[in-house]
Protein backbone atom coordinates (compact mmCIF):
# COMPACT_ATOMS: atom_id res chain seq x y z
CA UNK A 1 0.24 -0.01 -0.19
CA UNK A 2 2.41 2.91 0.56
CA UNK A 3 4.36 1.78 -2.87
CA UNK A 4 0.68 3.06 -4.18
CA UNK A 5 1.21 5.71 -2.15
CA UNK A 6 -1.92 4.64 -0.10
CA UNK A 7 -2.54 5.16 3.66
CA UNK A 8 -2.88 2.32 5.50
CA UNK A 9 -5.97 2.34 8.21
CA UNK A 10 -6.61 -0.93 10.20
CA UNK A 11 -9.84 -0.75 12.12
CA UNK A 12 -10.72 -3.20 14.98
CA UNK A 13 -9.26 -6.77 15.89
CA UNK A 14 -7.74 -7.95 19.05
CA UNK A 15 -4.68 -6.07 20.43
CA UNK A 16 -2.73 -8.20 19.97
CA UNK A 17 -2.91 -8.42 16.54
CA UNK A 18 -2.89 -4.57 16.06
CA UNK A 19 0.69 -4.68 18.59
CA UNK A 20 2.08 -7.45 16.47
CA UNK A 21 1.07 -4.97 13.15
CA UNK A 22 3.01 -2.05 15.05
CA UNK A 23 6.27 -4.10 16.23
CA UNK A 24 8.21 -7.06 15.76
CA UNK A 25 6.75 -9.22 18.59
CA UNK A 26 6.23 -12.26 17.07
CA UNK A 27 8.67 -15.16 16.81
CA UNK A 28 9.28 -16.75 13.82
CA UNK A 29 11.52 -19.59 14.65
CA UNK A 30 10.82 -21.34 10.90
CA UNK A 31 13.25 -19.53 9.16
CA UNK A 32 16.47 -20.36 11.71
CA UNK A 33 15.53 -24.13 11.23
CA UNK A 34 18.20 -26.11 8.91
CA UNK A 35 15.84 -28.55 8.03
CA UNK A 36 11.78 -27.08 7.24
CA UNK A 37 9.55 -28.16 9.79
CA UNK A 38 6.34 -30.00 8.57
CA UNK A 39 3.25 -28.28 8.55
CA UNK A 40 1.76 -26.26 10.87
CA UNK A 41 -0.52 -28.85 12.22
CA UNK A 42 2.12 -30.88 13.57
CA UNK A 43 3.38 -28.15 15.54
CA UNK A 44 0.25 -27.43 17.00
CA UNK A 45 -0.18 -30.69 18.34
CA UNK A 46 3.04 -30.79 19.51
CA UNK A 47 2.36 -28.57 21.79
CA UNK A 48 -1.00 -29.69 23.03
CA UNK A 49 0.85 -32.87 23.39
CA UNK A 50 3.40 -31.03 25.78
CA UNK A 51 0.25 -29.06 27.69
CA UNK A 52 -1.29 -32.92 28.43
CA UNK A 53 2.10 -32.91 30.71
CA UNK A 54 1.47 -31.77 34.59
CA UNK A 55 2.03 -28.17 35.38
CA UNK A 56 5.06 -29.17 37.46
CA UNK A 57 7.12 -31.58 35.25
CA UNK A 58 6.45 -28.98 32.34
CA UNK A 59 7.90 -26.10 34.17
CA UNK A 60 10.73 -28.50 35.54
CA UNK A 61 11.69 -29.65 31.76
CA UNK A 62 12.06 -25.91 31.05
CA UNK A 63 13.96 -25.05 33.57
CA UNK A 64 16.51 -26.86 32.70
CA UNK A 65 17.36 -25.91 29.31
CA UNK A 66 15.78 -22.25 29.67
CA UNK A 67 15.88 -21.44 33.17
CA UNK A 68 15.50 -17.47 32.67
CA UNK A 69 11.62 -18.34 31.19
CA UNK A 70 11.31 -20.67 33.68
CA UNK A 71 11.72 -17.94 36.29
CA UNK A 72 9.11 -15.81 34.43
CA UNK A 73 6.21 -18.32 33.91
CA UNK A 74 4.11 -19.80 36.74
CA UNK A 75 4.21 -23.44 37.09
CA UNK A 76 0.50 -23.35 36.59
CA UNK A 77 0.88 -21.61 32.74
CA UNK A 78 1.01 -24.81 30.86
CA UNK A 79 0.58 -22.66 27.54
CA UNK A 80 3.04 -20.34 27.85
CA UNK A 81 5.83 -22.90 29.31
CA UNK A 82 4.82 -25.42 26.51
CA UNK A 83 5.44 -22.92 23.51
CA UNK A 84 8.87 -21.82 25.18
CA UNK A 85 9.63 -25.71 24.73
CA UNK A 86 8.36 -26.01 21.74
CA UNK A 87 10.75 -23.18 20.55
CA UNK A 88 13.80 -24.80 21.97
CA UNK A 89 12.94 -28.02 20.31
CA UNK A 90 12.56 -27.05 17.55
CA UNK A 91 15.71 -24.28 17.50
CA UNK A 92 18.27 -26.03 19.81
CA UNK A 93 17.74 -22.14 21.25
CA UNK A 94 16.32 -21.01 24.13
CA UNK A 95 13.04 -19.23 24.09
CA UNK A 96 14.71 -16.19 26.11
CA UNK A 97 17.80 -15.62 24.17
CA UNK A 98 15.45 -15.26 21.32
CA UNK A 99 13.06 -12.48 23.05
CA UNK A 100 16.58 -10.77 24.37
CA UNK A 101 17.73 -11.00 20.40
CA UNK A 102 14.54 -9.07 19.52
CA UNK A 103 14.11 -6.66 22.41
CA UNK A 104 18.21 -6.12 21.89
CA UNK A 105 17.65 -4.35 17.98
CA UNK A 106 18.03 -1.18 17.68
CA UNK A 107 14.35 0.25 18.79
CA UNK A 108 13.56 -2.59 20.73
CA UNK A 109 12.36 -2.29 24.80
CA UNK A 110 11.74 -4.42 26.97
CA UNK A 111 8.10 -5.54 25.22
CA UNK A 112 9.59 -6.70 22.14
CA UNK A 113 10.72 -5.65 18.82
CA UNK A 114 11.45 -2.18 16.69
CA UNK A 115 8.42 -0.69 15.18
CA UNK A 116 7.66 -2.11 11.81
CA UNK A 117 7.04 0.76 9.96
CA UNK A 118 7.88 4.01 10.86
CA UNK A 119 5.67 6.96 12.19
CA UNK A 120 2.42 5.16 12.75
CA UNK A 121 -0.40 7.03 14.90
CA UNK A 122 -3.14 5.39 16.94
CA UNK A 123 -6.35 6.20 17.76
CA UNK A 124 -8.06 5.28 20.57
CA UNK A 125 -11.87 4.89 20.47
CA UNK A 126 -12.94 5.15 24.65
CA UNK A 127 -16.13 5.57 26.58
CA UNK A 128 -17.58 6.11 29.41
CA UNK A 129 -17.65 2.57 31.24
CA UNK A 130 -21.36 3.20 32.43
CA UNK A 131 -22.94 4.15 28.81
CA UNK A 132 -20.29 1.22 27.35
CA UNK A 133 -21.64 -1.88 29.77
CA UNK A 134 -25.15 -0.81 28.60
CA UNK A 135 -23.96 -0.87 24.83
CA UNK A 136 -22.28 -4.40 25.19
CA UNK A 137 -25.17 -5.63 27.23
CA UNK A 138 -27.74 -4.41 24.40
CA UNK A 139 -25.52 -6.26 21.82
CA UNK A 140 -25.87 -8.79 23.75
CA UNK A 141 -29.54 -8.90 23.64
CA UNK A 142 -29.48 -8.24 19.63
CA UNK A 143 -27.29 -11.30 19.07
CA UNK A 144 -29.72 -13.29 21.44
CA UNK A 145 -32.92 -12.36 19.11
CA UNK A 146 -30.67 -12.76 16.14
CA UNK A 147 -30.36 -16.35 17.06
CA UNK A 148 -27.13 -16.98 19.17
CA UNK A 149 -28.55 -19.53 21.36
CA UNK A 150 -29.71 -21.72 18.27
CA UNK A 151 -26.62 -21.51 17.05
CA UNK A 152 -24.57 -22.65 19.58
CA UNK A 153 -26.85 -25.15 20.23
CA UNK A 154 -25.96 -26.61 16.86
CA UNK A 155 -22.58 -25.97 17.11
CA UNK A 156 -22.22 -28.01 20.32
CA UNK A 157 -23.74 -30.92 18.76
CA UNK A 158 -21.78 -31.09 15.77
CA UNK A 159 -18.24 -30.49 17.60
CA UNK A 160 -18.62 -30.34 21.10
CA UNK A 161 -21.63 -33.25 22.37
CA UNK A 162 -19.24 -36.01 22.13
CA UNK A 163 -16.34 -34.57 23.62
CA UNK A 164 -18.38 -33.92 27.15
CA UNK A 165 -19.78 -37.23 27.08
CA UNK A 166 -16.20 -38.19 26.64
CA UNK A 167 -15.10 -36.20 29.11
CA UNK A 168 -12.28 -34.84 27.16
CA UNK A 169 -13.71 -30.79 26.61
CA UNK A 170 -10.98 -28.21 27.26
CA UNK A 171 -12.47 -24.47 26.98
CA UNK A 172 -8.79 -23.29 26.75
CA UNK A 173 -7.91 -24.13 22.91
CA UNK A 174 -9.53 -22.76 19.41
CA UNK A 175 -12.81 -21.68 19.04
CA UNK A 176 -14.16 -23.34 22.15
CA UNK A 177 -12.06 -20.56 24.06
CA UNK A 178 -14.25 -18.00 22.59
CA UNK A 179 -16.54 -16.12 24.57
CA UNK A 180 -20.10 -16.99 23.76
CA UNK A 181 -19.81 -20.81 24.22
CA UNK A 182 -18.40 -22.25 27.37
CA UNK A 183 -20.38 -19.77 28.92
CA UNK A 184 -23.70 -21.53 27.87
CA UNK A 185 -21.98 -25.03 29.01
CA UNK A 186 -24.29 -25.77 31.58
CA UNK A 187 -27.08 -25.60 29.28
CA UNK A 188 -26.32 -27.32 26.37
CA UNK A 189 -24.93 -30.24 28.45
CA UNK A 190 -28.38 -30.28 30.65
CA UNK A 191 -29.74 -33.84 31.09
CA UNK A 192 -32.98 -34.42 28.76
CA UNK A 193 -34.95 -35.22 31.57
CA UNK A 194 -33.96 -31.24 33.26
CA UNK A 195 -37.45 -29.73 33.19
CA UNK A 196 -38.09 -26.48 31.33
CA UNK A 197 -38.03 -24.55 34.26
CA UNK A 198 -34.32 -26.18 35.15
CA UNK A 199 -33.23 -25.10 31.37
CA UNK A 200 -34.42 -21.60 31.55
CA UNK A 201 -32.61 -21.15 34.51
CA UNK A 202 -29.49 -22.39 32.98
CA UNK A 203 -30.18 -20.30 29.74
CA UNK A 204 -30.33 -17.01 31.59
CA UNK A 205 -27.30 -17.89 33.53
CA UNK A 206 -25.56 -17.82 30.20
CA UNK A 207 -26.72 -15.39 29.23
CA UNK A 208 -25.68 -13.08 31.93
CA UNK A 209 -21.69 -14.90 32.18
CA UNK A 210 -21.40 -14.01 28.63
CA UNK A 211 -22.51 -10.60 29.28
CA UNK A 212 -20.28 -10.14 32.36
CA UNK A 213 -17.33 -11.80 30.66
CA UNK A 214 -18.06 -9.54 27.19
CA UNK A 215 -18.07 -6.08 29.97
CA UNK A 216 -14.70 -7.89 31.70
CA UNK A 217 -12.76 -7.92 28.08
CA UNK A 218 -14.23 -4.57 27.34
CA UNK A 219 -12.08 -3.36 30.45
CA UNK A 220 -9.31 -5.62 29.56
CA UNK A 221 -8.57 -4.15 26.41
CA UNK A 222 -8.87 -0.89 27.99
CA UNK A 223 -5.75 -1.80 29.92
CA UNK A 224 -3.98 -3.30 27.52
CA UNK A 225 -4.15 -0.16 25.64
CA UNK A 226 -2.72 1.51 28.80
CA UNK A 227 -0.24 -0.93 29.64
CA UNK A 228 1.35 -1.53 26.01
CA UNK A 229 0.70 1.89 24.54
CA UNK A 230 0.46 4.80 26.83
CA UNK A 231 2.95 3.06 29.40
CA UNK A 232 5.24 1.32 27.03
CA UNK A 233 8.91 1.86 27.66
CA UNK A 234 11.57 3.01 25.19
CA UNK A 235 11.05 5.79 22.72
CA UNK A 236 10.30 4.54 20.12
CA UNK A 237 6.58 4.44 21.05
CA UNK A 238 3.72 5.60 18.86
CA UNK A 239 1.47 8.36 20.83
CA UNK A 240 -2.73 7.89 21.12
CA UNK A 241 -4.97 10.14 20.35
CA UNK A 242 -8.08 9.54 22.49
CA UNK A 243 -11.56 9.90 20.71
CA UNK A 244 -15.00 9.99 22.53
CA UNK A 245 -17.25 7.48 21.55
CA UNK A 246 -19.69 7.71 24.58
CA UNK A 247 -22.69 9.66 22.86
CA UNK A 248 -22.66 7.70 19.56
CA UNK A 249 -25.19 10.66 17.94
CA UNK A 250 -22.23 13.28 17.91
CA UNK A 251 -19.83 10.54 16.16
CA UNK A 252 -18.82 13.53 13.46
CA UNK A 253 -18.19 16.00 16.17
CA UNK A 254 -15.98 13.96 18.70
CA UNK A 255 -14.38 11.25 16.42
CA UNK A 256 -14.92 12.08 12.44
CA UNK A 257 -14.33 15.33 12.41
CA UNK A 258 -10.87 15.26 15.02
CA UNK A 259 -9.70 11.96 13.62
CA UNK A 260 -9.48 13.79 10.08
CA UNK A 261 -8.04 16.99 11.16
CA UNK A 262 -5.46 14.77 12.86
CA UNK A 263 -4.73 13.19 9.90
CA UNK A 264 -4.29 16.26 7.87
CA UNK A 265 -1.94 17.97 10.17
CA UNK A 266 0.66 14.77 10.02
CA UNK A 267 0.24 14.46 6.99
CA UNK A 268 1.50 17.88 6.55
CA UNK A 269 3.98 17.54 9.16
CA UNK A 270 2.15 20.01 11.75
CA UNK A 271 0.93 19.58 14.97
CA UNK A 272 -2.51 19.04 15.33
CA UNK A 273 -5.24 20.91 17.72
CA UNK A 274 -6.39 17.64 19.27
CA UNK A 275 -3.24 16.50 21.89
CA UNK A 276 -1.95 12.71 22.36
CA UNK A 277 -3.14 11.43 25.26
CA UNK A 278 0.41 11.58 27.66
CA UNK A 279 1.34 9.22 30.77
CA UNK A 280 4.10 10.38 32.64
CA UNK A 281 5.82 9.94 35.68
CA UNK A 282 3.89 6.24 35.73
CA UNK A 283 6.52 3.69 36.98
CA UNK A 284 6.12 -0.07 34.75
CA UNK A 285 5.31 -3.12 36.94
CA UNK A 286 7.10 -5.67 36.17
CA UNK A 287 4.76 -8.45 35.04
CA UNK A 288 7.61 -11.20 34.72
CA UNK A 289 9.42 -10.64 38.08
CA UNK A 290 8.92 -14.32 40.01
CA UNK A 291 7.95 -14.37 43.58
CA UNK A 292 7.99 -17.34 46.00
CA UNK A 293 5.78 -16.91 49.20
CA UNK A 294 6.97 -19.60 51.73
CA UNK A 295 4.27 -18.94 54.31
CA UNK A 296 1.74 -20.08 51.47
CA UNK A 297 3.20 -22.57 49.49
CA UNK A 298 2.55 -20.84 46.35
CA UNK A 299 4.70 -18.98 43.78
CA UNK A 300 3.50 -15.35 42.26
CA UNK A 301 4.14 -13.88 39.09
CA UNK A 302 4.10 -10.34 38.57
CA UNK A 303 4.04 -7.07 41.18
CA UNK A 304 0.78 -6.64 40.77
CA UNK A 305 -0.16 -10.19 42.12
CA UNK A 306 2.67 -9.92 44.28
CA UNK A 307 1.24 -6.73 46.05
CA UNK A 308 -2.24 -8.22 46.13
CA UNK A 309 -0.87 -11.65 47.59
CA UNK A 310 0.66 -9.76 50.37
CA UNK A 311 -2.56 -8.24 51.15
CA UNK A 312 -4.75 -11.03 50.89
CA UNK A 313 -6.80 -12.95 54.04
CA UNK A 314 -4.86 -15.78 53.73
CA UNK A 315 -1.34 -14.61 53.27
CA UNK A 316 -1.99 -12.47 56.66
CA UNK A 317 -3.95 -15.60 58.00
CA UNK A 318 -0.60 -17.66 57.76
CA UNK A 319 1.89 -14.60 59.18
CA UNK A 320 -0.84 -14.04 62.57
CA UNK A 321 -0.23 -18.25 62.30
CA UNK A 322 3.39 -17.47 62.33
CA UNK A 323 3.98 -14.73 64.62
CA UNK A 324 1.95 -17.52 67.00
CA UNK A 325 4.81 -20.17 66.51
CA UNK A 326 7.95 -18.10 66.24
CA UNK A 327 7.26 -14.93 68.16
CA UNK A 328 11.03 -14.10 68.10
CA UNK A 329 10.92 -14.89 64.01
CA UNK A 330 8.67 -12.47 63.22
CA UNK A 331 11.24 -9.59 63.76
CA UNK A 332 12.98 -10.61 60.71
CA UNK A 333 10.02 -9.39 58.61
CA UNK A 334 10.96 -5.55 56.88
CA UNK A 335 8.72 -3.10 55.38
CA UNK A 336 9.79 -3.41 51.79
CA UNK A 337 10.81 0.19 50.00
CA UNK A 338 9.39 1.87 46.58
CA UNK A 339 11.12 0.04 43.58
CA UNK A 340 13.96 1.92 42.00
CA UNK A 341 13.09 1.33 38.55
CA UNK A 342 10.38 -1.10 36.98
CA UNK A 343 12.28 -4.09 37.45
CA UNK A 344 15.79 -6.00 37.91
CA UNK A 345 17.81 -8.37 36.78
CA UNK A 346 17.95 -12.46 37.36
CA UNK A 347 18.51 -12.60 41.22
CA UNK A 348 18.07 -9.18 42.39
CA UNK A 349 15.91 -8.44 44.99
CA UNK A 350 12.73 -6.56 44.07
CA UNK A 351 10.88 -4.82 46.66
CA UNK A 352 7.21 -3.43 46.60
CA UNK A 353 5.91 -0.42 48.37
CA UNK A 354 2.39 -1.54 48.99
CA UNK A 355 3.39 -4.23 51.75
CA UNK A 356 5.21 -5.73 54.15
CA UNK A 357 7.16 -8.66 53.12
CA UNK A 358 6.90 -12.13 55.30
CA UNK A 359 9.98 -14.16 56.81
CA UNK A 360 10.39 -16.59 53.76
CA UNK A 361 9.22 -14.60 50.78
CA UNK A 362 11.72 -13.99 48.10
CA UNK A 363 10.86 -12.03 45.13
CA UNK A 364 13.47 -11.99 41.73
CA UNK A 365 12.35 -10.21 38.54
CA UNK A 366 13.68 -11.00 35.07
CA UNK A 367 12.39 -7.77 33.00
CA UNK A 368 14.39 -4.55 33.22
CA UNK A 369 12.29 -1.71 31.35
CA UNK A 370 12.48 2.30 31.76
CA UNK A 371 9.16 4.05 31.35
CA UNK A 372 10.38 6.91 28.61
CA UNK A 373 8.12 8.95 26.65
CA UNK A 374 8.91 11.30 23.65
CA UNK A 375 6.32 13.08 21.07
CA UNK A 376 6.34 12.06 17.42
CA UNK A 377 5.00 13.49 14.22
CA UNK A 378 2.66 10.54 12.95
CA UNK A 379 1.21 9.37 9.70
CA UNK A 380 -0.01 5.68 9.34
CA UNK A 381 -2.94 5.10 11.56
CA UNK A 382 -4.48 2.65 13.67
CA UNK A 383 -7.45 2.83 15.01
CA UNK A 384 -8.09 0.79 18.68
CA UNK A 385 -11.22 0.22 20.08
């Protein structure tokens, strides 16, 4: 499109998809293998085969060939562990090494490689959450009126019923993990002997679960934009222009006209009237830091998750229990200081500012990043919603 002097406009799609278009974040190991790998089905089957193993066994295997990646992944995260093992099996090079090389490229950062194209422009269509929730619920109601339940029932009979009967269904793979199907499992798998009242109750339960999952996903998308775009570390980051779609009756006033004005200004290398969204002074939390709480016998991955654990009732219960059994040992408890940076290197102790660290709790981090933002003049455009 660039060669034809056309402006690419990408609308919608998952945030993973948009990010992979903007940055070099995908790992194509097939290019580095001397002998060609058989079809993608074989690779997918190998990954599924690995995922059938227990989390502890998978994590042990990964720790033997790629200790850095193993330290960043929770033992229960079998999908990501299997992927890392698969990368090592296919290439003979550890997954962590691949990622280090990618992030070490000019323009790379802690989240991936450099931008694929120069000067991208991102429009973030956002709305007030109350208005968005009502809009999402209404969309589910429209899908139901258009025959969603009948479509799900047909799909269940064709592709899912036998799996349920064989107790081999897994809603974590392929189309089965999509929002809108697994929420109706109890309704679709209800015994024939169930009364109509019981079936109606299960149907209503599925509808409510679908609405909740949809609203939750919308919040996840907003969080993704903030963390991966607005707070992304490094200086090779596109600015983001926010467009308010709370009141769709004012679409031209609040969305279309401002977007066209921004594009016109950028195409002329001028500063748009509408300023981009900026997040300054934010500290990047390390999502890959590894924390071990011996008191609770748990492994926690990520700074935010670690902070939540330290505040949990279960953790405080074990702390009180330790105090009663070993009053002297309680003197060793320390209050953590604010982190000097978002993350450290392997083996360093990362400290959290929100809660005390109990004896027996250890923390290590695997990624380092800096939260640096600069302004650019953008041209290609991506819409994210």
